[in-house]
Amino acid sequence: MTGRIDAHHHLWDPARHPQPWMDGAWADPIRRTYTLDDLTPHLAAHRIDGTVLVQSSASRAETAALLALAARSPVVRGVVGWADLTDPGLPDHLAAMPAELVGLRHQVQDEPDPDWLARPAVRRGLAAVADAGLVYELLVTPHQLPAATAAARALPGLRCVLDHAAKPAAGTGAWQPWADDLAALARLPNTACKLSGLVTEADWTHWRPADLLPYARHVLDTFGPHRVLFGSDWPVCTLAATYDDVITLAETATAALSPHERAAIFGGNAERVYGW
């Protein structure tokens, strides 16, 4: 067993690597540099032994910086970086990547085309990710879930991890079609889901655990405890909650599970999915 793992967090320096998604005053509280030193006290407080560091901008330069950090930090067990899926040279690019690269992600949520994942050039890129033995992380919103499911079905050799449960509209209490579409993705054996990002889909100032637990439990019911990975989504989560709050929410959602199942969600599943 790999210990307790936070399978989803970010570090950024907007001055070095612009973050276009921080596109309004809403992002002002997190529009600053975040380093591993900022995160370490939270990890220590919750006995987190390792992390997965995830890209936050569509930039090879940012990914290179994250990989360099991972190479010198034993806490960062792997990096989910960015590369252009439509680049014909992607296979060669991935072949030259260091072992710290465990997956790729693109901000599909920002693509206006709900079927972006169905584009032939994108599918070829996803096949290259599978051939390289890397995970592909799906950052999609509920209306993009059918396309995500179709891509995962078309590429059974690709390990797909859904980020933030596809960002259900917890702030309004909306349930369908998200719930059925999530279940459809979960029926594919090459998929997993992160228990992450829910707090920022709720009312940032007035959310309660009761608002989010139904969504978290639907993730657990559909994917099962051996295909769910805990992730804090720090520091994005701090827009709505503390690191402590996020851990408590996940622990409450998983309280009825066995010790073995909880250990899998908080560590073992990350080890298996990312192939450490």
Protein backbone atom coordinates (compact mmCIF):
# COMPACT_ATOMS: atom_id res chain seq x y z
CA MET A 1 0.00 0.00 0.00
CA THR A 2 1.24 3.45 -0.92
CA GLY A 3 -0.12 5.30 2.13
CA ARG A 4 -2.60 8.16 2.09
CA ILE A 5 -2.71 10.04 -1.20
CA ASP A 6 -4.25 13.32 -2.27
CA ALA A 7 -4.83 12.43 -5.93
CA HIS A 8 -5.67 15.92 -7.16
CA HIS A 9 -4.09 19.27 -6.35
CA HIS A 10 -2.55 22.19 -8.18
CA LEU A 11 0.43 24.50 -7.82
CA TRP A 12 0.83 27.60 -9.95
CA ASP A 13 2.65 30.86 -10.46
CA PRO A 14 0.44 33.10 -12.65
CA ALA A 15 3.35 35.45 -13.34
CA ARG A 16 5.34 32.64 -14.99
CA HIS A 17 2.52 30.56 -16.39
CA PRO A 18 -0.71 32.48 -17.12
CA GLN A 19 -3.97 30.89 -16.00
CA PRO A 20 -6.61 32.03 -18.52
CA TRP A 21 -9.40 30.29 -16.63
CA MET A 22 -9.00 32.83 -13.81
CA ASP A 23 -11.15 35.14 -15.90
CA GLY A 24 -12.94 37.29 -13.35
CA ALA A 25 -13.03 38.77 -9.88
CA TRP A 26 -14.30 35.44 -8.54
CA ALA A 27 -10.73 34.12 -8.84
CA ASP A 28 -9.08 36.97 -6.93
CA PRO A 29 -8.73 34.91 -3.70
CA ILE A 30 -6.56 32.35 -5.49
CA ARG A 31 -4.83 34.63 -7.99
CA ARG A 32 -1.40 34.23 -6.44
CA THR A 33 1.50 31.81 -6.41
CA TYR A 34 0.96 28.49 -4.63
CA THR A 35 3.98 26.33 -3.85
CA LEU A 36 4.45 22.93 -2.31
CA ASP A 37 5.49 24.66 0.91
CA ASP A 38 1.98 26.13 1.12
CA LEU A 39 0.42 22.67 0.80
CA THR A 40 2.76 20.69 3.04
CA PRO A 41 1.22 21.71 6.40
CA HIS A 42 -2.20 20.49 5.23
CA LEU A 43 -0.73 17.17 4.13
CA ALA A 44 1.04 16.72 7.45
CA ALA A 45 -2.09 17.54 9.44
CA HIS A 46 -4.00 14.75 7.70
CA ARG A 47 -1.19 12.20 7.37
CA ILE A 48 -1.10 12.50 3.58
CA ASP A 49 2.01 10.74 2.33
CA GLY A 50 1.94 11.65 -1.35
CA THR A 51 0.10 13.61 -4.00
CA VAL A 52 -0.78 13.81 -7.67
CA LEU A 53 -0.01 17.26 -9.09
CA VAL A 54 -2.39 18.26 -11.89
CA GLN A 55 -1.91 20.83 -14.64
CA SER A 56 -3.97 24.01 -14.58
CA SER A 57 -3.12 25.58 -17.93
CA ALA A 58 -2.74 24.36 -21.49
CA SER A 59 1.01 24.86 -21.46
CA ARG A 60 3.93 22.56 -22.09
CA ALA A 61 6.09 25.00 -20.13
CA GLU A 62 3.93 24.66 -17.05
CA THR A 63 3.97 20.87 -17.37
CA ALA A 64 7.77 20.90 -17.61
CA ALA A 65 7.95 22.97 -14.42
CA LEU A 66 5.62 20.58 -12.59
CA LEU A 67 7.68 17.59 -13.73
CA ALA A 68 10.88 19.24 -12.51
CA LEU A 69 9.27 19.81 -9.12
CA ALA A 70 8.10 16.19 -8.94
CA ALA A 71 11.61 14.96 -9.77
CA ARG A 72 13.01 16.64 -6.67
CA SER A 73 10.08 16.13 -4.30
CA PRO A 74 9.28 12.70 -2.84
CA VAL A 75 5.81 13.97 -1.85
CA VAL A 76 4.67 14.44 -5.46
CA ARG A 77 4.25 10.88 -6.71
CA GLY A 78 3.20 11.88 -10.22
CA VAL A 79 2.14 14.69 -12.53
CA VAL A 80 -0.92 14.87 -14.75
CA GLY A 81 0.31 17.30 -17.38
CA TRP A 82 -0.88 18.85 -20.60
CA ALA A 83 -0.02 18.19 -24.22
CA ASP A 84 -1.85 18.95 -27.44
CA LEU A 85 -3.87 15.84 -28.22
CA THR A 86 -4.21 16.92 -31.85
CA ASP A 87 -0.44 17.24 -32.39
CA PRO A 88 0.74 14.58 -34.90
CA GLY A 89 4.02 14.48 -32.98
CA LEU A 90 2.34 13.54 -29.70
CA PRO A 91 3.61 9.91 -29.62
CA ASP A 92 7.23 11.06 -29.90
CA HIS A 93 6.64 13.81 -27.32
CA LEU A 94 5.21 11.33 -24.83
CA ALA A 95 8.02 8.85 -25.45
CA ALA A 96 10.50 11.50 -24.31
CA MET A 97 8.64 12.31 -21.08
CA PRO A 98 10.13 11.40 -17.67
CA ALA A 99 8.61 8.76 -15.42
CA GLU A 100 7.03 11.44 -13.23
CA LEU A 101 4.41 12.01 -15.95
CA VAL A 102 1.52 9.69 -15.10
CA GLY A 103 -1.25 11.22 -17.18
CA LEU A 104 -2.54 14.00 -19.38
CA ARG A 105 -5.46 16.39 -19.10
CA HIS A 106 -7.08 19.04 -21.25
CA GLN A 107 -9.69 21.56 -20.08
CA VAL A 108 -12.44 19.99 -22.16
CA GLN A 109 -14.92 21.85 -19.96
CA ASP A 110 -13.89 25.06 -21.77
CA GLU A 111 -14.42 23.66 -25.26
CA PRO A 112 -17.64 25.02 -26.83
CA ASP A 113 -18.11 21.82 -28.84
CA PRO A 114 -19.81 19.23 -26.56
CA ASP A 115 -18.45 16.51 -28.86
CA TRP A 116 -14.85 17.72 -28.81
CA LEU A 117 -13.75 14.33 -27.50
CA ALA A 118 -15.25 12.69 -30.59
CA ARG A 119 -13.11 14.61 -33.07
CA PRO A 120 -10.86 12.24 -35.08
CA ALA A 121 -7.67 14.16 -34.23
CA VAL A 122 -8.54 14.10 -30.53
CA ARG A 123 -9.30 10.38 -30.63
CA ARG A 124 -5.92 9.74 -32.27
CA GLY A 125 -4.31 11.69 -29.46
CA LEU A 126 -6.18 9.69 -26.84
CA ALA A 127 -4.99 6.49 -28.51
CA ALA A 128 -1.42 7.78 -28.25
CA VAL A 129 -1.96 8.41 -24.54
CA ALA A 130 -3.14 4.81 -24.14
CA ASP A 131 -0.17 3.50 -26.14
CA ALA A 132 2.17 5.45 -23.85
CA GLY A 133 0.65 3.72 -20.81
CA LEU A 134 -0.63 7.01 -19.36
CA VAL A 135 -3.94 7.92 -17.73
CA TYR A 136 -6.26 10.40 -19.39
CA GLU A 137 -8.14 12.67 -17.02
CA LEU A 138 -11.57 13.83 -18.11
CA LEU A 139 -12.28 17.42 -17.07
CA VAL A 140 -15.84 17.75 -18.33
CA THR A 141 -19.16 19.20 -17.28
CA PRO A 142 -22.43 17.24 -17.14
CA HIS A 143 -23.48 17.99 -20.73
CA GLN A 144 -20.15 16.59 -21.95
CA LEU A 145 -20.47 13.28 -20.10
CA PRO A 146 -22.00 11.38 -23.07
CA ALA A 147 -19.02 12.31 -25.25
CA ALA A 148 -16.64 11.28 -22.47
CA THR A 149 -18.40 7.93 -22.20
CA ALA A 150 -18.25 7.41 -25.95
CA ALA A 151 -14.51 8.12 -25.96
CA ALA A 152 -13.82 5.74 -23.08
CA ARG A 153 -15.91 3.05 -24.79
CA ALA A 154 -14.11 3.50 -28.11
CA LEU A 155 -10.70 3.17 -26.43
CA PRO A 156 -10.96 0.30 -23.93
CA GLY A 157 -7.19 0.28 -23.47
CA LEU A 158 -7.20 3.86 -22.20
CA ARG A 159 -7.40 4.35 -18.42
CA CYS A 160 -9.80 7.24 -17.94
CA VAL A 161 -10.22 9.14 -14.67
CA LEU A 162 -13.15 11.52 -14.33
CA ASP A 163 -12.25 14.68 -12.44
CA HIS A 164 -14.66 16.26 -9.96
CA ALA A 165 -17.47 13.82 -10.82
CA ALA A 166 -18.10 15.91 -13.96
CA LYS A 167 -18.95 18.96 -11.81
CA PRO A 168 -22.63 18.35 -11.01
CA ALA A 169 -24.75 21.45 -10.37
CA ALA A 170 -24.86 20.93 -6.61
CA GLY A 171 -25.66 24.58 -6.03
CA THR A 172 -29.11 24.12 -7.54
CA GLY A 173 -29.61 20.52 -6.47
CA ALA A 174 -29.88 19.38 -10.10
CA TRP A 175 -29.62 15.60 -10.37
CA GLN A 176 -30.56 14.46 -13.87
CA PRO A 177 -29.29 13.79 -16.44
CA TRP A 178 -25.98 13.94 -14.54
CA ALA A 179 -26.78 10.93 -12.35
CA ASP A 180 -27.70 8.60 -15.22
CA ASP A 181 -24.87 9.82 -17.43
CA LEU A 182 -22.36 9.30 -14.62
CA ALA A 183 -23.66 5.76 -14.12
CA ALA A 184 -23.26 5.07 -17.86
CA LEU A 185 -19.58 6.09 -17.70
CA ALA A 186 -19.07 4.03 -14.56
CA ARG A 187 -20.28 0.88 -16.33
CA LEU A 188 -17.10 0.94 -18.42
CA PRO A 189 -14.32 -1.00 -16.68
CA ASN A 190 -11.55 1.33 -17.88
CA THR A 191 -12.92 4.28 -15.91
CA ALA A 192 -12.46 5.68 -12.41
CA CYS A 193 -13.64 8.85 -10.71
CA LYS A 194 -12.14 11.38 -8.33
CA LEU A 195 -14.06 12.32 -5.20
CA SER A 196 -12.99 15.91 -5.62
CA GLY A 197 -14.15 19.38 -6.55
CA LEU A 198 -17.68 19.16 -5.18
CA VAL A 199 -17.44 22.08 -2.76
CA THR A 200 -16.90 24.60 -5.54
CA GLU A 201 -19.97 23.34 -7.39
CA ALA A 202 -22.13 24.24 -4.37
CA ASP A 203 -23.00 27.63 -2.90
CA TRP A 204 -19.52 28.80 -1.86
CA THR A 205 -20.63 30.61 1.26
CA HIS A 206 -23.64 28.61 2.46
CA TRP A 207 -23.03 24.98 1.45
CA ARG A 208 -23.57 22.21 3.98
CA PRO A 209 -22.37 18.60 3.85
CA ALA A 210 -25.98 17.52 3.31
CA ASP A 211 -25.97 19.41 0.00
CA LEU A 212 -23.03 17.41 -1.34
CA LEU A 213 -23.22 13.97 0.24
CA PRO A 214 -25.85 12.67 -2.22
CA TYR A 215 -23.49 13.45 -5.11
CA ALA A 216 -20.51 11.90 -3.35
CA ARG A 217 -22.47 8.77 -2.50
CA HIS A 218 -23.72 8.42 -6.07
CA VAL A 219 -20.09 8.41 -7.19
CA LEU A 220 -19.35 5.66 -4.67
CA ASP A 221 -22.45 3.67 -5.62
CA THR A 222 -21.80 3.79 -9.36
CA PHE A 223 -18.02 3.38 -9.55
CA GLY A 224 -17.64 1.33 -6.39
CA PRO A 225 -15.03 1.99 -3.70
CA HIS A 226 -12.21 0.44 -5.73
CA ARG A 227 -12.55 2.94 -8.60
CA VAL A 228 -12.83 6.15 -6.59
CA LEU A 229 -9.84 8.33 -5.66
CA PHE A 230 -9.81 11.10 -3.08
CA GLY A 231 -8.58 14.48 -4.31
CA SER A 232 -8.65 17.81 -2.51
CA ASP A 233 -8.60 20.09 -5.58
CA TRP A 234 -6.52 22.45 -3.45
CA PRO A 235 -6.16 25.43 -3.76
CA VAL A 236 -9.26 25.79 -5.95
CA CYS A 237 -11.27 24.28 -3.09
CA THR A 238 -10.36 27.23 -0.88
CA LEU A 239 -12.86 29.36 -2.78
CA ALA A 240 -15.53 27.49 -0.83
CA ALA A 241 -13.85 25.40 1.87
CA THR A 242 -10.70 24.67 3.80
CA TYR A 243 -8.53 21.62 3.22
CA ASP A 244 -9.89 20.34 6.54
CA ASP A 245 -13.47 20.76 5.28
CA VAL A 246 -12.75 18.79 2.11
CA ILE A 247 -11.14 15.93 4.01
CA THR A 248 -14.04 15.84 6.48
CA LEU A 249 -16.59 15.74 3.65
CA ALA A 250 -14.82 12.81 1.99
CA GLU A 251 -14.44 10.96 5.28
CA THR A 252 -18.14 11.47 6.05
CA ALA A 253 -19.14 10.21 2.59
CA THR A 254 -17.04 7.06 3.03
CA ALA A 255 -17.76 6.43 6.73
CA ALA A 256 -19.99 3.41 6.09
CA LEU A 257 -17.33 1.61 4.05
CA SER A 258 -14.92 -0.97 5.39
CA PRO A 259 -11.41 0.07 6.49
CA HIS A 260 -10.02 -1.68 3.40
CA GLU A 261 -12.35 0.26 1.10
CA ARG A 262 -11.54 3.58 2.73
CA ALA A 263 -7.83 2.85 2.45
CA ALA A 264 -8.32 2.20 -1.26
CA ILE A 265 -10.09 5.52 -1.82
CA PHE A 266 -7.51 7.47 0.18
CA GLY A 267 -4.48 5.85 -1.40
CA GLY A 268 -4.52 2.35 -2.84
CA ASN A 269 -6.65 3.21 -5.85
CA ALA A 270 -4.27 5.99 -6.86
CA GLU A 271 -1.37 3.54 -6.70
CA ARG A 272 -3.19 1.11 -8.97
CA VAL A 273 -4.65 3.63 -11.44
CA TYR A 274 -1.43 5.55 -11.95
CA GLY A 275 0.72 2.42 -11.96
CA TRP A 276 3.28 3.30 -9.29
